[in-house]
């Protein structure tokens, strides 16, 4: 592995030098988390759709998790000391429909965006940023070469290329203009208020009938453009991140397909075999004035309904982690703590564990996928009801975005507050956990609160949709 420290560049500015290239990705950590990463020029590309797995565009046998696990094992390298956790490996998204590979589930009748179920690149070269200490490294593993001499040469060549592109990095000081408006289909939801509230009531009825304890229902806002909008997508991401910096943001550019994620929620982190997940359940809007803001935060903290919603998902995740963690290692060090973001307060819990010997980050991902905070409990029945009521695939939304390192590390978000793109079509979902005492009108309003910063980035207002 070749490691070169460079003069620090803001991560967003550095990524600007690569934003126009397909398969270049930016793992953002906003202003809350410490590390950020830029990758470009993958060694391999792994995709899958409806169970057909492709590696570098060619069909391969196996399921997506198995193929990915094989790649991670083939290129296993030890971590360099005193560096950010990600030092090469897989970067991309794991879509909600990957659950079809793990369980017998109904298929949604509509696939409006038609995104791959998984889109991941394997990267031997990473630009890593420590935003706390303001340090930046170029890290090149030299993979896939195997001899020390050839690996060293490839690593040096690859760093030379990335250094050349970094010369084009420029400070991005101005807020991008509002993106142009859709010209084939204006922004509209797949539910109107009456329809969404009716779907919420149906979930409540299922709960009273004893089918489930909770389900996460969402509405999907969609638009369609007549021409190529690829040059504008990074500008839109910048608007989104400026409006609401998120600790687990990401801009993934696969060419026609892209994901602009502004997620505040960690799904799964692995570092030195230690596992962490931080489910979010419970939301209130921010107040316009400090007193009102504090009152709303207090209301959330004292809400029995929101705390119950959160604790149900904590129990589900404790069960999921126990499948691959050492006996008695799963703990809950924090329960229902308050975290405040640009437009919302959230209740957040933390569940930790220690991976069993012989289990990998990919095993953990498969054991917990998709995250319980965006399905409900029990997970399988909740997912059946979600498909019945939403009637459409979720794609990257409610899947996970992040990295799995050659060194066994992993950090992924829950892909919420995320705009998904395929060609001229864009969509984003917003939803919430429905429990027995949910009020349909309040649940609909909560989705609009969560969507507020995306509406702002797009230059549209909720009532205009």
Protein backbone atom coordinates (compact mmCIF):
# COMPACT_ATOMS: atom_id res chain seq x y z
CA UNK A 1 0.00 0.00 0.00
CA UNK A 2 1.30 3.44 -0.95
CA UNK A 3 0.23 6.39 1.21
CA UNK A 4 0.90 10.00 0.33
CA UNK A 5 -0.21 12.91 2.51
CA UNK A 6 -1.16 16.08 0.61
CA UNK A 7 -2.02 19.67 1.48
CA UNK A 8 -5.61 19.68 2.73
CA UNK A 9 -8.42 20.50 0.31
CA UNK A 10 -12.05 20.70 1.41
CA UNK A 11 -13.61 17.33 0.47
CA UNK A 12 -16.44 18.91 -1.51
CA UNK A 13 -13.95 21.01 -3.49
CA UNK A 14 -11.75 17.98 -4.14
CA UNK A 15 -14.68 15.93 -5.39
CA UNK A 16 -15.57 18.75 -7.79
CA UNK A 17 -12.54 17.68 -9.88
CA UNK A 18 -14.14 14.23 -10.38
CA UNK A 19 -17.87 15.00 -10.35
CA UNK A 20 -18.22 14.74 -14.10
CA UNK A 21 -16.84 11.20 -14.27
CA UNK A 22 -19.11 8.17 -14.04
CA UNK A 23 -18.35 5.85 -11.12
CA UNK A 24 -16.82 8.66 -9.09
CA UNK A 25 -18.33 8.90 -5.63
CA UNK A 26 -18.19 11.20 -2.62
CA UNK A 27 -18.87 9.90 0.88
CA UNK A 28 -19.65 13.04 2.82
CA UNK A 29 -19.78 13.47 6.57
CA UNK A 30 -21.13 17.00 6.67
CA UNK A 31 -20.12 19.02 9.68
CA UNK A 32 -20.68 16.27 12.30
CA UNK A 33 -18.58 13.24 11.50
CA UNK A 34 -14.84 13.18 11.07
CA UNK A 35 -13.93 11.37 7.86
CA UNK A 36 -14.86 11.87 4.20
CA UNK A 37 -13.76 10.02 1.06
CA UNK A 38 -13.55 10.45 -2.71
CA UNK A 39 -13.15 7.49 -5.08
CA UNK A 40 -12.94 7.27 -8.86
CA UNK A 41 -11.92 4.80 -11.57
CA UNK A 42 -13.07 1.48 -10.06
CA UNK A 43 -11.28 -1.81 -10.47
CA UNK A 44 -14.58 -3.69 -10.81
CA UNK A 45 -18.27 -2.79 -11.01
CA UNK A 46 -20.85 -5.02 -9.35
CA UNK A 47 -24.55 -4.65 -10.19
CA UNK A 48 -27.63 -6.84 -9.85
CA UNK A 49 -31.25 -6.62 -10.89
CA UNK A 50 -34.00 -9.10 -10.06
CA UNK A 51 -31.48 -11.69 -8.97
CA UNK A 52 -29.17 -11.46 -12.01
CA UNK A 53 -25.70 -10.45 -10.84
CA UNK A 54 -23.19 -8.77 -13.17
CA UNK A 55 -19.52 -8.12 -12.61
CA UNK A 56 -18.01 -5.60 -15.01
CA UNK A 57 -21.13 -5.97 -17.14
CA UNK A 58 -21.01 -9.77 -17.47
CA UNK A 59 -23.41 -12.17 -15.70
CA UNK A 60 -21.84 -14.18 -12.90
CA UNK A 61 -23.32 -16.96 -10.75
CA UNK A 62 -24.27 -16.40 -7.13
CA UNK A 63 -26.15 -13.79 -5.15
CA UNK A 64 -24.92 -10.19 -4.77
CA UNK A 65 -23.82 -10.61 -1.16
CA UNK A 66 -21.83 -13.76 -1.99
CA UNK A 67 -20.11 -12.20 -5.01
CA UNK A 68 -19.23 -9.12 -2.95
CA UNK A 69 -17.90 -11.24 -0.08
CA UNK A 70 -15.67 -13.15 -2.52
CA UNK A 71 -14.25 -9.89 -3.90
CA UNK A 72 -13.53 -8.56 -0.42
CA UNK A 73 -11.82 -11.80 0.57
CA UNK A 74 -9.80 -11.94 -2.68
CA UNK A 75 -8.37 -8.46 -2.16
CA UNK A 76 -7.97 -8.55 1.61
CA UNK A 77 -5.27 -6.14 2.89
CA UNK A 78 -4.44 -5.00 6.39
CA UNK A 79 -5.15 -1.42 7.39
CA UNK A 80 -2.44 1.19 7.30
CA UNK A 81 -1.85 2.67 10.76
CA UNK A 82 -3.12 6.09 11.85
CA UNK A 83 -5.27 6.60 8.76
CA UNK A 84 -9.01 7.06 8.20
CA UNK A 85 -10.90 3.74 8.38
CA UNK A 86 -11.57 3.35 4.64
CA UNK A 87 -8.40 2.60 2.68
CA UNK A 88 -9.83 0.90 -0.43
CA UNK A 89 -12.69 -1.48 -1.09
CA UNK A 90 -16.34 -1.34 -2.14
CA UNK A 91 -18.32 1.92 -2.41
CA UNK A 92 -21.88 2.27 -3.61
CA UNK A 93 -25.45 1.50 -2.63
CA UNK A 94 -27.37 -1.60 -1.54
CA UNK A 95 -30.97 -1.10 -2.65
CA UNK A 96 -34.05 -2.01 -0.64
CA UNK A 97 -35.02 -4.76 -3.12
CA UNK A 98 -31.85 -6.72 -2.26
CA UNK A 99 -34.02 -8.11 0.52
CA UNK A 100 -35.55 -10.31 -2.19
CA UNK A 101 -32.24 -12.22 -2.15
CA UNK A 102 -32.57 -12.90 1.57
CA UNK A 103 -36.28 -13.56 2.12
CA UNK A 104 -39.37 -14.62 0.20
CA UNK A 105 -41.15 -11.32 -0.34
CA UNK A 106 -43.78 -9.99 -2.77
CA UNK A 107 -42.54 -7.97 -5.73
CA UNK A 108 -43.87 -4.45 -6.15
CA UNK A 109 -46.01 -4.05 -9.28
CA UNK A 110 -44.32 -0.79 -10.30
CA UNK A 111 -40.61 -0.02 -10.79
CA UNK A 112 -40.77 3.65 -11.76
CA UNK A 113 -37.04 4.43 -11.56
CA UNK A 114 -35.82 0.97 -12.65
CA UNK A 115 -32.55 1.29 -10.72
CA UNK A 116 -30.18 -1.64 -10.14
CA UNK A 117 -30.82 -3.43 -6.86
CA UNK A 118 -27.15 -2.96 -6.04
CA UNK A 119 -24.50 -0.74 -7.63
CA UNK A 120 -21.04 -0.96 -6.13
CA UNK A 121 -17.55 -0.17 -7.40
CA UNK A 122 -14.38 -1.80 -6.11
CA UNK A 123 -11.74 0.88 -5.60
CA UNK A 124 -8.01 0.38 -5.17
CA UNK A 125 -7.45 4.12 -4.80
CA UNK A 126 -8.99 6.50 -2.24
CA UNK A 127 -8.67 10.15 -1.32
CA UNK A 128 -9.27 10.22 2.42
CA UNK A 129 -9.96 13.30 4.56
CA UNK A 130 -9.75 13.86 8.29
CA UNK A 131 -11.94 16.92 8.74
CA UNK A 132 -11.12 17.24 12.42
CA UNK A 133 -7.35 17.50 12.01
CA UNK A 134 -7.64 18.86 8.43
CA UNK A 135 -5.41 16.22 6.87
CA UNK A 136 -5.73 14.51 3.50
CA UNK A 137 -4.15 11.38 2.03
CA UNK A 138 -3.94 9.60 -1.30
CA UNK A 139 -4.07 5.87 -0.55
CA UNK A 140 -3.36 3.31 -3.26
CA UNK A 141 -3.33 -0.41 -2.56
CA UNK A 142 -1.75 -1.50 -5.86
CA UNK A 143 -4.49 -4.14 -6.20
CA UNK A 144 -5.05 -6.29 -8.28
CA UNK A 145 -1.31 -6.80 -8.81
CA UNK A 146 0.05 -9.54 -6.59
CA UNK A 147 3.84 -9.30 -6.75
CA UNK A 148 5.33 -6.62 -4.48
CA UNK A 149 7.15 -4.92 -7.34
CA UNK A 150 4.14 -4.79 -9.66
CA UNK A 151 1.85 -3.71 -6.83
CA UNK A 152 4.18 -0.89 -5.85
CA UNK A 153 4.40 0.33 -9.45
CA UNK A 154 0.63 0.26 -9.95
CA UNK A 155 0.07 2.10 -6.68
CA UNK A 156 2.50 4.84 -7.73
CA UNK A 157 0.98 5.13 -11.20
CA UNK A 158 -2.54 5.39 -9.81
CA UNK A 159 -1.57 8.07 -7.30
CA UNK A 160 0.12 9.99 -10.09
CA UNK A 161 -3.13 10.03 -12.08
CA UNK A 162 -5.29 11.11 -9.16
CA UNK A 163 -2.81 13.85 -8.22
CA UNK A 164 -3.08 15.21 -11.78
CA UNK A 165 -6.87 15.50 -11.53
CA UNK A 166 -6.71 17.12 -8.10
CA UNK A 167 -5.02 20.11 -9.73
CA UNK A 168 -8.46 21.00 -11.11
CA UNK A 169 -10.03 21.20 -7.65
CA UNK A 170 -11.38 24.69 -6.97
CA UNK A 171 -13.09 26.25 -3.94
CA UNK A 172 -16.87 26.16 -4.32
CA UNK A 173 -17.83 29.34 -2.60
CA UNK A 174 -21.19 30.16 -4.14
CA UNK A 175 -24.47 28.36 -3.64
CA UNK A 176 -25.50 26.80 -6.97
CA UNK A 177 -28.56 28.14 -8.69
CA UNK A 178 -31.87 26.40 -8.26
CA UNK A 179 -32.02 23.51 -10.75
CA UNK A 180 -34.23 23.92 -13.76
CA UNK A 181 -37.77 22.67 -13.46
CA UNK A 182 -38.94 19.32 -14.87
CA UNK A 183 -40.30 19.68 -18.38
CA UNK A 184 -42.07 16.36 -18.99
CA UNK A 185 -43.66 15.59 -15.63
CA UNK A 186 -43.67 18.15 -12.78
CA UNK A 187 -42.95 17.05 -9.23
CA UNK A 188 -45.85 15.04 -7.86
CA UNK A 189 -46.37 12.39 -5.22
CA UNK A 190 -47.69 8.87 -5.74
CA UNK A 191 -50.09 9.66 -2.85
CA UNK A 192 -52.30 12.67 -2.26
CA UNK A 193 -53.05 13.56 1.36
CA UNK A 194 -56.28 11.53 1.46
CA UNK A 195 -54.57 8.51 -0.07
CA UNK A 196 -51.59 8.64 2.28
CA UNK A 197 -53.77 9.06 5.35
CA UNK A 198 -55.87 6.12 4.19
CA UNK A 199 -52.74 4.00 3.85
CA UNK A 200 -51.65 5.01 7.36
CA UNK A 201 -55.04 3.95 8.69
CA UNK A 202 -54.66 0.60 6.92
CA UNK A 203 -51.33 0.07 8.70
CA UNK A 204 -52.99 0.94 12.01
CA UNK A 205 -55.73 -1.59 11.22
CA UNK A 206 -53.08 -4.26 10.54
CA UNK A 207 -51.52 -3.45 13.91
CA UNK A 208 -54.85 -3.80 15.74
CA UNK A 209 -55.42 -7.08 13.88
CA UNK A 210 -52.16 -8.40 15.30
CA UNK A 211 -50.18 -8.60 12.04
CA UNK A 212 -47.40 -6.20 13.07
CA UNK A 213 -46.29 -3.76 15.76
CA UNK A 214 -45.02 -1.09 13.37
CA UNK A 215 -44.46 -0.38 9.65
CA UNK A 216 -42.58 2.42 7.92
CA UNK A 217 -44.80 3.88 5.20
CA UNK A 218 -43.51 6.38 2.65
CA UNK A 219 -44.71 8.54 -0.21
CA UNK A 220 -42.63 9.07 -3.32
CA UNK A 221 -42.19 12.47 -4.99
CA UNK A 222 -41.33 12.11 -8.68
CA UNK A 223 -40.43 14.26 -11.68
CA UNK A 224 -39.27 13.69 -15.23
CA UNK A 225 -36.95 15.76 -17.38
CA UNK A 226 -36.73 15.79 -21.16
CA UNK A 227 -32.99 16.08 -21.43
CA UNK A 228 -29.76 15.09 -19.78
CA UNK A 229 -29.44 16.61 -16.31
CA UNK A 230 -26.17 14.94 -15.35
CA UNK A 231 -24.11 18.18 -15.21
CA UNK A 232 -26.59 19.64 -12.72
CA UNK A 233 -26.79 16.76 -10.26
CA UNK A 234 -23.69 17.65 -8.26
CA UNK A 235 -24.94 21.24 -8.03
CA UNK A 236 -28.17 19.87 -6.60
CA UNK A 237 -26.23 17.79 -4.09
CA UNK A 238 -24.30 20.89 -3.06
CA UNK A 239 -27.57 22.77 -2.51
CA UNK A 240 -28.86 19.86 -0.45
CA UNK A 241 -25.76 19.60 1.72
CA UNK A 242 -25.59 23.37 2.22
CA UNK A 243 -29.25 23.49 3.27
CA UNK A 244 -28.87 20.60 5.71
CA UNK A 245 -25.40 19.13 6.35
CA UNK A 246 -25.76 15.43 7.20
CA UNK A 247 -23.24 13.12 8.90
CA UNK A 248 -23.88 10.33 6.40
CA UNK A 249 -24.36 12.17 3.14
CA UNK A 250 -23.19 10.84 -0.21
CA UNK A 251 -23.09 11.70 -3.89
CA UNK A 252 -22.92 8.55 -6.01
CA UNK A 253 -22.48 9.01 -9.75
CA UNK A 254 -22.86 5.85 -11.84
CA UNK A 255 -23.59 7.68 -15.09
CA UNK A 256 -27.31 7.55 -15.85
CA UNK A 257 -27.97 6.37 -12.30
CA UNK A 258 -27.11 8.64 -9.37
CA UNK A 259 -27.99 8.95 -5.70
CA UNK A 260 -27.84 12.21 -3.75
CA UNK A 261 -28.13 11.27 -0.10
CA UNK A 262 -28.57 13.61 2.84
CA UNK A 263 -29.05 10.91 5.47
CA UNK A 264 -28.61 11.62 9.18
CA UNK A 265 -28.79 7.92 10.12
CA UNK A 266 -26.00 5.37 10.49
CA UNK A 267 -27.00 1.83 9.59
CA UNK A 268 -23.94 -0.34 10.31
CA UNK A 269 -20.38 0.48 11.25
CA UNK A 270 -17.61 -2.10 11.73
CA UNK A 271 -14.16 -1.19 13.03
CA UNK A 272 -11.76 -3.83 14.38
CA UNK A 273 -14.66 -6.25 14.74
CA UNK A 274 -16.73 -3.81 16.81
CA UNK A 275 -20.22 -3.18 15.44
CA UNK A 276 -22.43 -0.14 15.88
CA UNK A 277 -25.89 0.79 14.60
CA UNK A 278 -27.80 3.98 15.44
CA UNK A 279 -31.51 3.73 14.59
CA UNK A 280 -33.57 6.90 14.33
CA UNK A 281 -37.24 6.86 15.28
CA UNK A 282 -39.19 9.89 16.49
CA UNK A 283 -39.27 13.27 14.73
CA UNK A 284 -40.32 16.85 15.46
CA UNK A 285 -39.81 19.94 13.34
CA UNK A 286 -37.42 22.66 14.54
CA UNK A 287 -39.01 25.75 16.05
CA UNK A 288 -38.61 29.18 14.53
CA UNK A 289 -37.61 30.69 17.88
CA UNK A 290 -35.40 29.19 20.66
CA UNK A 291 -38.25 28.79 23.16
CA UNK A 292 -40.50 27.06 20.64
CA UNK A 293 -37.58 24.91 19.47
CA UNK A 294 -36.83 23.78 23.03
CA UNK A 295 -40.51 23.02 23.64
CA UNK A 296 -40.68 20.84 20.52
CA UNK A 297 -37.51 19.00 21.57
CA UNK A 298 -38.94 18.44 25.04
CA UNK A 299 -42.24 17.22 23.57
CA UNK A 300 -40.34 14.64 21.52
CA UNK A 301 -38.26 13.48 24.47
CA UNK A 302 -41.39 12.96 26.57
CA UNK A 303 -43.50 11.34 23.83
CA UNK A 304 -44.44 7.81 24.88
CA UNK A 305 -45.48 7.03 21.31
CA UNK A 306 -42.14 8.08 19.78
CA UNK A 307 -40.09 6.35 22.46
CA UNK A 308 -42.06 3.14 22.00
CA UNK A 309 -41.51 3.37 18.23
CA UNK A 310 -37.77 3.74 18.77
CA UNK A 311 -37.49 0.95 21.33
CA UNK A 312 -39.31 -1.51 19.05
CA UNK A 313 -36.65 -0.98 16.39
CA UNK A 314 -33.85 -1.25 18.96
CA UNK A 315 -35.21 -4.68 19.90
CA UNK A 316 -35.35 -5.68 16.24
CA UNK A 317 -31.75 -4.58 15.65
CA UNK A 318 -30.54 -6.35 18.77
CA UNK A 319 -32.02 -9.51 17.29
CA UNK A 320 -30.42 -8.88 13.86
CA UNK A 321 -26.99 -8.16 15.33
CA UNK A 322 -27.18 -11.28 17.48
CA UNK A 323 -27.19 -13.43 14.32
CA UNK A 324 -23.52 -12.60 13.63
CA UNK A 325 -22.21 -11.10 16.88
CA UNK A 326 -20.65 -12.98 19.80
CA UNK A 327 -23.07 -14.23 22.45
CA UNK A 328 -23.89 -11.62 25.11
CA UNK A 329 -21.87 -8.95 23.25
CA UNK A 330 -24.91 -6.98 21.98
CA UNK A 331 -25.52 -3.91 24.15
CA UNK A 332 -27.60 -0.73 24.05
CA UNK A 333 -25.36 2.01 25.48
CA UNK A 334 -27.73 4.84 24.47
CA UNK A 335 -31.50 4.80 24.22
CA UNK A 336 -33.68 7.60 22.79
CA UNK A 337 -31.17 10.45 22.92
CA UNK A 338 -32.06 13.75 21.26
CA UNK A 339 -30.22 14.86 18.10
CA UNK A 340 -31.12 18.09 16.30
CA UNK A 341 -30.62 18.80 12.60
CA UNK A 342 -31.34 21.78 10.36
CA UNK A 343 -35.08 21.17 10.12
CA UNK A 344 -35.87 18.33 12.55
CA UNK A 345 -35.22 16.88 15.99
CA UNK A 346 -34.78 13.09 16.15
CA UNK A 347 -34.67 10.38 18.82
CA UNK A 348 -31.58 8.23 18.25
CA UNK A 349 -30.46 5.03 20.00
CA UNK A 350 -27.15 3.16 19.79
CA UNK A 351 -26.76 -0.63 19.67
CA UNK A 352 -23.31 -2.25 19.68
CA UNK A 353 -21.85 -5.74 19.39
CA UNK A 354 -18.72 -7.71 18.59
CA UNK A 355 -18.54 -9.75 15.38
CA UNK A 356 -18.17 -13.50 15.78
CA UNK A 357 -14.86 -14.95 14.66
CA UNK A 358 -15.07 -15.82 10.97
CA UNK A 359 -17.91 -13.38 10.26
CA UNK A 360 -17.32 -10.44 7.91
CA UNK A 361 -18.84 -7.02 7.33
CA UNK A 362 -20.76 -8.50 4.37
CA UNK A 363 -22.20 -11.20 6.67
CA UNK A 364 -23.33 -8.47 9.05
CA UNK A 365 -24.91 -6.46 6.24
CA UNK A 366 -26.84 -9.50 5.00
CA UNK A 367 -27.96 -10.41 8.53
CA UNK A 368 -29.41 -6.96 9.20
CA UNK A 369 -30.58 -5.92 5.73
CA UNK A 370 -32.62 -3.80 5.24
CA UNK A 371 -32.43 -1.72 8.39
CA UNK A 372 -35.31 -2.22 10.81
CA UNK A 373 -35.92 1.51 11.21
CA UNK A 374 -37.28 1.69 7.65
CA UNK A 375 -39.22 -1.56 7.62
CA UNK A 376 -41.01 -1.99 10.94
CA UNK A 377 -41.55 -5.01 13.13
CA UNK A 378 -41.79 -7.90 12.65
CA UNK A 379 -39.65 -7.14 9.64
CA UNK A 380 -40.96 -9.57 7.02
CA UNK A 381 -44.68 -8.94 7.56
CA UNK A 382 -44.04 -5.20 7.74
CA UNK A 383 -42.24 -5.37 4.36
CA UNK A 384 -45.15 -7.29 2.83
CA UNK A 385 -47.53 -4.56 3.97
CA UNK A 386 -45.23 -1.80 2.72
CA UNK A 387 -45.17 -3.35 -0.76
CA UNK A 388 -48.95 -3.77 -0.73
CA UNK A 389 -49.58 -0.12 0.18
CA UNK A 390 -46.75 1.67 -1.62
CA UNK A 391 -47.06 -0.47 -4.76
CA UNK A 392 -43.64 0.51 -6.10
CA UNK A 393 -40.01 -0.48 -5.65
CA UNK A 394 -37.98 1.71 -3.33
CA UNK A 395 -34.65 1.33 -5.17
CA UNK A 396 -31.75 2.87 -3.28
CA UNK A 397 -34.19 4.54 -0.85
CA UNK A 398 -34.25 2.68 2.46
CA UNK A 399 -31.30 0.57 1.42
CA UNK A 400 -27.80 1.53 2.50
CA UNK A 401 -24.96 3.66 1.12
CA UNK A 402 -21.34 3.51 2.18
CA UNK A 403 -18.14 1.52 2.07
CA UNK A 404 -16.85 -1.95 2.88
CA UNK A 405 -13.08 -1.93 3.18
CA UNK A 406 -10.52 -4.48 2.02
CA UNK A 407 -9.41 -4.38 5.68
CA UNK A 408 -12.80 -5.57 7.00
CA UNK A 409 -14.12 -2.16 8.02
CA UNK A 410 -17.57 -0.89 7.04
CA UNK A 411 -19.68 2.23 7.45
CA UNK A 412 -23.11 2.58 5.85
CA UNK A 413 -26.07 4.86 6.22
CA UNK A 414 -29.77 4.22 6.03
CA UNK A 415 -30.48 5.75 2.63
CA UNK A 416 -33.22 8.18 3.65
CA UNK A 417 -33.54 11.87 2.63
CA UNK A 418 -32.07 10.74 -0.69
CA UNK A 419 -32.82 11.80 -4.25
CA UNK A 420 -32.50 8.94 -6.75
CA UNK A 421 -31.95 9.50 -10.44
CA UNK A 422 -32.08 7.29 -13.52
CA UNK A 423 -31.73 9.15 -16.80
CA UNK A 424 -34.26 11.99 -16.83
CA UNK A 425 -36.30 10.58 -13.95
CA UNK A 426 -35.83 11.73 -10.37
CA UNK A 427 -37.58 10.62 -7.19
CA UNK A 428 -37.30 10.85 -3.45
CA UNK A 429 -39.34 9.22 -0.71
CA UNK A 430 -40.22 10.46 2.74
CA UNK A 431 -41.98 8.36 5.35
CA UNK A 432 -42.31 7.48 8.98
CA UNK A 433 -42.95 4.65 11.38
CA UNK A 434 -46.63 3.93 11.91
CA UNK A 435 -47.66 2.49 15.28
CA UNK A 436 -51.02 1.72 16.96
CA UNK A 437 -51.72 5.28 18.11
CA UNK A 438 -50.50 7.04 14.95
CA UNK A 439 -52.74 9.86 13.72
CA UNK A 440 -52.94 9.76 9.91
CA UNK A 441 -52.95 13.53 9.40
CA UNK A 442 -49.96 13.98 11.71
CA UNK A 443 -48.05 11.23 9.92
CA UNK A 444 -48.63 12.93 6.56
CA UNK A 445 -47.45 16.26 7.98
CA UNK A 446 -44.32 14.58 9.38
CA UNK A 447 -43.34 13.39 5.90
CA UNK A 448 -43.50 17.00 4.65
CA UNK A 449 -41.31 18.17 7.54
CA UNK A 450 -38.72 15.57 6.56
CA UNK A 451 -38.95 16.62 2.91
CA UNK A 452 -38.57 20.34 3.62
CA UNK A 453 -34.83 20.62 2.93
CA UNK A 454 -35.12 18.56 -0.26
CA UNK A 455 -37.93 20.83 -1.45
CA UNK A 456 -35.71 23.80 -0.62
CA UNK A 457 -32.77 22.35 -2.57
CA UNK A 458 -35.04 21.73 -5.55
CA UNK A 459 -36.52 25.21 -5.33
CA UNK A 460 -40.08 24.00 -4.87
CA UNK A 461 -42.60 24.33 -2.05
CA UNK A 462 -44.61 21.46 -0.58
CA UNK A 463 -47.95 23.01 -1.41
CA UNK A 464 -46.86 23.43 -5.04
CA UNK A 465 -46.31 19.70 -5.45
